[in-house]
Amino acid sequence: MSVLVVGSTALDTVETPYGRIRDGLGGSATHFSGAASFFTRVKLVAVVGTDFPERHVDFLRARRVDVSGLRRVRGKTFRWSGLYADDMNEAATLKTELNVFENFRPELSDDHRKSAFVFLANIDPDLQRNVVEQIRDPFVVALDTMNYWIESKPAALKRTLKKVDILFINEGEARLLARENNLFKAARCLLGMGPSTVVLKRAAYGALLFQREGMFWAPAYPLYHVKDPTGAGDSFAGGFMGYMSRRQDLSPRRLRRAVIYGSIMASFCVEDFSLNRMKTVTPTEIQERFRMFRALTRF
């Protein structure tokens, strides 16, 4: 099977205590695609400008990503600049230039509309809902969001949540959307908004999976070196959804394994800037980290 992702493709300038990259390949849909491509075929829907380097498109094609939905329009590509100081769990945004992304209106092809697995990366909730309404008969629709949409368009986001199966969200966003400080109460509130599964991304502290029947917790993969956390959450979602899209199975066991594979792909992402680490990851390395997760959590 395959997974459809709709979101941003960008050029990122990032500085951390371990270096700096200028105009590196970034964007929520791009990081998702890079991670998911190790498990399944990915169909990417995004927009870039005429300044977007062709080598980045070549990289995506090499990773089995269908870029027929990547539109190139006149203007400049979406750009984001961020700085990580001592706290590598949170970036200070220095500059955001929406450019051609400001007028992004996803229009799906007939092939895209047939997708069984759909991931709505972090974009306007009205656009996310419009994408869902274009899909004919999806098996799973997953969504990611951020503080900006929670604060500026809460009603639109809640309407969209009624149409999705899985919500990816971090701790601060969960508390803000649910208006509840306790994470477990917040998750229960979010489940009441529509999704049957809520995945709480906790960066260096792992991930929590909530369903009405129970919950699952997984630690983050232990790393000695973290160079750039940008895109880790999207890479997590890519590993999760990429693994899930191999089979139409939403059993608790499969969802829990998806959390582990999501954590594994996020661990690769943060080891280098941009998607550079995804260029060298091997299937053997993925399975080695899966075995390490088993050893870490067995008692």
Protein backbone atom coordinates (compact mmCIF):
# COMPACT_ATOMS: atom_id res chain seq x y z
CA MET A 1 0.00 0.00 0.00
CA SER A 2 0.99 3.66 0.13
CA VAL A 3 0.42 6.76 2.24
CA LEU A 4 -0.62 10.23 1.08
CA VAL A 5 0.88 13.24 2.86
CA VAL A 6 -0.26 16.83 2.40
CA GLY A 7 1.77 19.63 3.96
CA SER A 8 4.78 21.87 3.56
CA THR A 9 8.05 21.47 1.69
CA ALA A 10 10.49 24.16 2.74
CA LEU A 11 14.03 25.45 2.88
CA ASP A 12 15.26 25.70 6.47
CA THR A 13 18.07 27.68 8.01
CA VAL A 14 18.87 26.19 11.39
CA GLU A 15 21.53 26.85 14.02
CA THR A 16 22.21 24.60 17.00
CA PRO A 17 25.14 24.30 19.43
CA TYR A 18 26.53 21.73 16.97
CA GLY A 19 26.53 23.71 13.75
CA ARG A 20 24.44 25.54 11.20
CA ILE A 21 22.77 24.81 7.87
CA ARG A 22 21.41 27.33 5.38
CA ASP A 23 18.49 26.58 3.06
CA GLY A 24 18.46 22.89 3.93
CA LEU A 25 15.62 20.65 2.78
CA GLY A 26 12.79 20.93 5.32
CA GLY A 27 9.05 21.14 5.78
CA SER A 28 6.58 18.94 7.63
CA ALA A 29 5.53 16.85 4.62
CA THR A 30 9.13 16.41 3.53
CA HIS A 31 10.39 15.09 6.87
CA PHE A 32 7.34 12.81 7.01
CA SER A 33 8.04 11.51 3.50
CA GLY A 34 11.69 10.81 4.20
CA ALA A 35 10.87 8.67 7.24
CA ALA A 36 7.79 6.93 5.82
CA SER A 37 9.61 5.99 2.61
CA PHE A 38 11.55 3.28 4.45
CA PHE A 39 8.31 1.36 4.97
CA THR A 40 6.03 2.17 2.05
CA ARG A 41 5.48 4.23 -1.09
CA VAL A 42 4.72 7.87 -0.30
CA LYS A 43 2.62 10.31 -2.32
CA LEU A 44 3.59 13.91 -1.55
CA VAL A 45 1.31 16.91 -2.10
CA ALA A 46 3.01 20.27 -1.47
CA VAL A 47 4.12 23.46 -3.22
CA VAL A 48 7.54 24.98 -3.85
CA GLY A 49 8.84 28.01 -5.71
CA THR A 50 11.04 28.34 -8.77
CA ASP A 51 14.08 28.64 -6.47
CA PHE A 52 13.66 25.12 -5.07
CA PRO A 53 16.80 23.07 -5.89
CA GLU A 54 16.19 20.14 -8.23
CA ARG A 55 18.62 18.01 -6.19
CA HIS A 56 16.05 17.93 -3.38
CA VAL A 57 13.42 16.60 -5.78
CA ASP A 58 15.91 13.99 -6.98
CA PHE A 59 16.48 12.90 -3.36
CA LEU A 60 12.75 12.42 -2.80
CA ARG A 61 12.41 10.40 -6.00
CA ALA A 62 15.34 8.24 -4.90
CA ARG A 63 13.46 7.53 -1.67
CA ARG A 64 10.42 6.17 -3.59
CA VAL A 65 8.41 9.34 -3.00
CA ASP A 66 5.85 10.11 -5.72
CA VAL A 67 6.38 13.83 -6.36
CA SER A 68 3.67 14.21 -9.00
CA GLY A 69 1.74 16.27 -6.42
CA LEU A 70 4.69 18.59 -5.72
CA ARG A 71 3.71 21.77 -7.56
CA ARG A 72 6.35 24.27 -8.60
CA VAL A 73 4.92 27.78 -8.99
CA ARG A 74 6.37 31.19 -9.69
CA GLY A 75 7.86 32.76 -6.59
CA LYS A 76 10.01 31.78 -3.63
CA THR A 77 9.78 28.59 -1.58
CA PHE A 78 8.52 28.64 2.02
CA ARG A 79 11.45 29.39 4.33
CA TRP A 80 11.89 28.95 8.07
CA SER A 81 14.83 30.00 10.26
CA GLY A 82 15.29 28.69 13.79
CA LEU A 83 17.78 28.66 16.64
CA TYR A 84 18.29 25.96 19.26
CA ALA A 85 20.21 27.03 22.36
CA ASP A 86 20.87 24.83 25.39
CA ASP A 87 17.33 23.40 25.37
CA MET A 88 17.33 21.23 22.26
CA ASN A 89 13.65 20.37 22.79
CA GLU A 90 12.44 23.78 21.60
CA ALA A 91 13.50 26.12 18.81
CA ALA A 92 13.28 29.88 18.78
CA THR A 93 11.79 30.92 15.45
CA LEU A 94 13.90 33.70 13.95
CA LYS A 95 12.04 34.16 10.68
CA THR A 96 9.14 32.67 8.74
CA GLU A 97 8.58 33.49 5.07
CA LEU A 98 5.47 31.77 3.72
CA ASN A 99 6.07 32.87 0.13
CA VAL A 100 4.26 30.48 -2.29
CA PHE A 101 3.01 28.40 0.64
CA GLU A 102 0.71 31.27 1.64
CA ASN A 103 -1.59 30.48 -1.30
CA PHE A 104 -1.31 26.69 -1.07
CA ARG A 105 -4.66 25.07 -1.90
CA PRO A 106 -4.24 21.27 -2.18
CA GLU A 107 -5.99 19.79 -5.18
CA LEU A 108 -5.76 16.01 -5.31
CA SER A 109 -5.43 13.89 -8.43
CA ASP A 110 -7.67 10.87 -9.01
CA ASP A 111 -4.85 8.65 -7.74
CA HIS A 112 -4.45 10.71 -4.57
CA ARG A 113 -8.21 10.58 -3.90
CA LYS A 114 -8.06 6.77 -3.73
CA SER A 115 -5.54 6.78 -0.86
CA ALA A 116 -6.38 4.49 2.05
CA PHE A 117 -3.82 6.04 4.42
CA VAL A 118 -3.70 9.83 4.69
CA PHE A 119 -1.52 12.11 6.80
CA LEU A 120 -2.48 15.78 7.10
CA ALA A 121 0.70 17.56 8.11
CA ASN A 122 0.66 20.86 9.95
CA ILE A 123 -1.36 23.28 7.78
CA ASP A 124 -4.55 25.34 8.17
CA PRO A 125 -7.30 23.09 9.60
CA ASP A 126 -9.74 24.29 6.94
CA LEU A 127 -7.32 23.07 4.27
CA GLN A 128 -6.89 19.79 6.13
CA ARG A 129 -10.66 19.28 6.19
CA ASN A 130 -10.88 20.11 2.49
CA VAL A 131 -8.32 17.39 1.75
CA VAL A 132 -10.29 14.82 3.78
CA GLU A 133 -13.42 15.69 1.85
CA GLN A 134 -11.59 15.00 -1.42
CA ILE A 135 -10.61 11.47 -0.35
CA ARG A 136 -13.08 8.82 -1.49
CA ASP A 137 -12.90 6.09 1.12
CA PRO A 138 -9.87 6.37 3.43
CA PHE A 139 -9.04 3.62 5.89
CA VAL A 140 -7.07 5.91 8.23
CA VAL A 141 -6.77 9.69 8.34
CA ALA A 142 -4.16 11.15 10.69
CA LEU A 143 -3.57 14.81 11.51
CA ASP A 144 -0.88 16.97 13.07
CA THR A 145 -1.34 20.55 14.23
CA MET A 146 0.37 23.31 16.21
CA ASN A 147 -0.23 26.08 18.75
CA TYR A 148 -0.86 28.69 16.07
CA TRP A 149 -3.93 26.88 14.69
CA ILE A 150 -5.16 25.91 18.16
CA GLU A 151 -5.13 29.56 19.22
CA SER A 152 -6.23 31.23 15.96
CA LYS A 153 -8.74 28.71 14.52
CA PRO A 154 -9.94 26.45 17.36
CA ALA A 155 -13.45 25.97 15.95
CA ALA A 156 -12.15 25.00 12.50
CA LEU A 157 -9.66 22.59 14.05
CA LYS A 158 -12.36 20.91 16.14
CA ARG A 159 -14.57 20.49 13.05
CA THR A 160 -11.67 18.84 11.27
CA LEU A 161 -10.87 16.55 14.21
CA LYS A 162 -14.30 14.98 13.85
CA LYS A 163 -13.14 13.61 10.48
CA VAL A 164 -9.81 12.05 11.56
CA ASP A 165 -8.82 8.77 13.21
CA ILE A 166 -5.41 9.62 14.67
CA LEU A 167 -4.22 12.90 16.18
CA PHE A 168 -0.50 13.61 16.58
CA ILE A 169 0.15 16.40 19.06
CA ASN A 170 2.79 17.46 21.59
CA GLU A 171 2.28 18.03 25.32
CA GLY A 172 1.89 21.80 25.23
CA GLU A 173 -0.52 21.65 22.29
CA ALA A 174 -2.58 18.92 23.98
CA ARG A 175 -2.97 20.97 27.14
CA LEU A 176 -3.85 24.08 25.14
CA LEU A 177 -6.45 22.37 22.94
CA ALA A 178 -8.05 20.42 25.78
CA ARG A 179 -7.76 23.30 28.28
CA GLU A 180 -6.57 20.73 30.78
CA ASN A 181 -3.17 20.69 32.50
CA ASN A 182 -3.17 16.99 33.37
CA LEU A 183 -1.95 15.09 30.32
CA PHE A 184 -4.12 12.04 30.93
CA LYS A 185 -7.26 14.14 31.31
CA ALA A 186 -6.22 16.15 28.25
CA ALA A 187 -5.86 12.99 26.18
CA ARG A 188 -9.28 11.77 27.27
CA CYS A 189 -10.73 15.15 26.25
CA LEU A 190 -9.04 14.97 22.83
CA LEU A 191 -10.44 11.48 22.25
CA GLY A 192 -13.86 12.97 22.84
CA MET A 193 -13.31 15.40 19.95
CA GLY A 194 -13.35 12.67 17.33
CA PRO A 195 -10.07 10.75 16.94
CA SER A 196 -10.02 7.13 18.13
CA THR A 197 -6.27 7.40 18.81
CA VAL A 198 -4.19 10.24 20.23
CA VAL A 199 -0.40 10.14 20.02
CA LEU A 200 1.34 12.53 22.39
CA LYS A 201 4.83 13.40 21.15
CA ARG A 202 7.15 14.14 24.09
CA ALA A 203 10.44 14.79 22.25
CA ALA A 204 13.35 13.47 24.36
CA TYR A 205 10.87 11.87 26.76
CA GLY A 206 9.28 9.48 24.29
CA ALA A 207 5.66 9.15 23.23
CA LEU A 208 2.28 8.22 24.71
CA LEU A 209 -0.48 6.50 22.77
CA PHE A 210 -4.03 6.86 24.04
CA GLN A 211 -7.18 5.01 23.02
CA ARG A 212 -10.48 4.61 24.79
CA GLU A 213 -9.48 1.04 25.73
CA GLY A 214 -6.10 1.93 27.24
CA MET A 215 -2.71 3.56 26.76
CA PHE A 216 0.89 2.75 25.84
CA TRP A 217 4.13 4.56 26.66
CA ALA A 218 7.47 4.27 24.88
CA PRO A 219 10.72 6.02 25.77
CA ALA A 220 12.77 7.94 23.25
CA TYR A 221 15.67 6.05 21.74
CA PRO A 222 18.79 6.90 23.79
CA LEU A 223 21.28 8.93 21.76
CA TYR A 224 24.75 10.22 22.58
CA HIS A 225 24.59 13.01 20.01
CA VAL A 226 21.68 15.19 18.88
CA LYS A 227 22.62 17.68 16.16
CA ASP A 228 19.29 19.09 14.97
CA PRO A 229 15.80 18.25 16.33
CA THR A 230 14.01 20.00 13.44
CA GLY A 231 11.50 17.64 11.84
CA ALA A 232 11.71 14.99 14.56
CA GLY A 233 7.96 15.04 15.19
CA ASP A 234 7.18 14.76 11.50
CA SER A 235 9.72 11.95 11.14
CA PHE A 236 8.03 10.21 14.07
CA ALA A 237 4.68 10.48 12.28
CA GLY A 238 6.32 9.25 9.07
CA GLY A 239 7.70 6.13 10.73
CA PHE A 240 4.38 5.52 12.47
CA MET A 241 2.17 5.94 9.41
CA GLY A 242 4.64 4.29 7.06
CA TYR A 243 4.59 1.15 9.17
CA MET A 244 0.80 1.26 9.61
CA SER A 245 0.17 1.62 5.88
CA ARG A 246 1.66 -1.78 5.13
CA ARG A 247 -1.59 -3.40 6.23
CA GLN A 248 -5.16 -2.36 7.03
CA ASP A 249 -4.88 -3.28 10.69
CA LEU A 250 -5.60 -0.95 13.62
CA SER A 251 -5.10 -3.51 16.38
CA PRO A 252 -3.48 -2.26 19.63
CA ARG A 253 -0.41 -4.44 19.00
CA ARG A 254 0.17 -2.91 15.58
CA LEU A 255 -0.37 0.65 16.85
CA ARG A 256 2.15 0.06 19.63
CA ARG A 257 4.72 -1.20 17.15
CA ALA A 258 4.03 1.88 15.04
CA VAL A 259 4.96 4.07 18.02
CA ILE A 260 8.29 2.26 18.26
CA TYR A 261 9.04 2.64 14.55
CA GLY A 262 8.06 6.30 14.80
CA SER A 263 10.50 6.79 17.65
CA ILE A 264 13.23 5.01 15.68
CA MET A 265 12.84 7.27 12.64
CA ALA A 266 12.79 10.38 14.86
CA SER A 267 16.05 9.19 16.44
CA PHE A 268 17.71 9.07 13.02
CA CYS A 269 16.34 12.49 12.07
CA VAL A 270 17.96 14.34 14.99
CA GLU A 271 21.42 12.88 14.36
CA ASP A 272 22.12 15.36 11.54
CA PHE A 273 20.80 18.53 9.96
CA SER A 274 17.90 18.58 7.51
CA LEU A 275 17.20 15.11 6.05
CA ASN A 276 20.91 14.31 5.77
CA ARG A 277 20.71 11.28 8.06
CA MET A 278 17.87 9.82 6.00
CA LYS A 279 20.30 9.62 3.09
CA THR A 280 22.42 7.05 4.94
CA VAL A 281 19.91 5.06 7.05
CA THR A 282 19.72 1.37 6.17
CA PRO A 283 16.97 -1.20 6.86
CA THR A 284 19.50 -3.07 9.02
CA GLU A 285 19.98 -0.01 11.24
CA ILE A 286 16.21 0.32 11.66
CA GLN A 287 15.86 -3.28 12.79
CA GLU A 288 18.87 -2.98 15.11
CA ARG A 289 17.19 -0.07 16.89
CA PHE A 290 13.93 -2.01 17.02
CA ARG A 291 15.75 -4.84 18.79
CA MET A 292 17.35 -2.33 21.15
CA PHE A 293 13.90 -0.95 22.03
CA ARG A 294 12.77 -4.47 22.89
CA ALA A 295 15.79 -4.99 25.14
CA LEU A 296 15.29 -1.62 26.84
CA THR A 297 11.64 -2.20 27.70
CA ARG A 298 11.69 -5.91 28.60
CA PHE A 299 11.61 -6.79 32.31
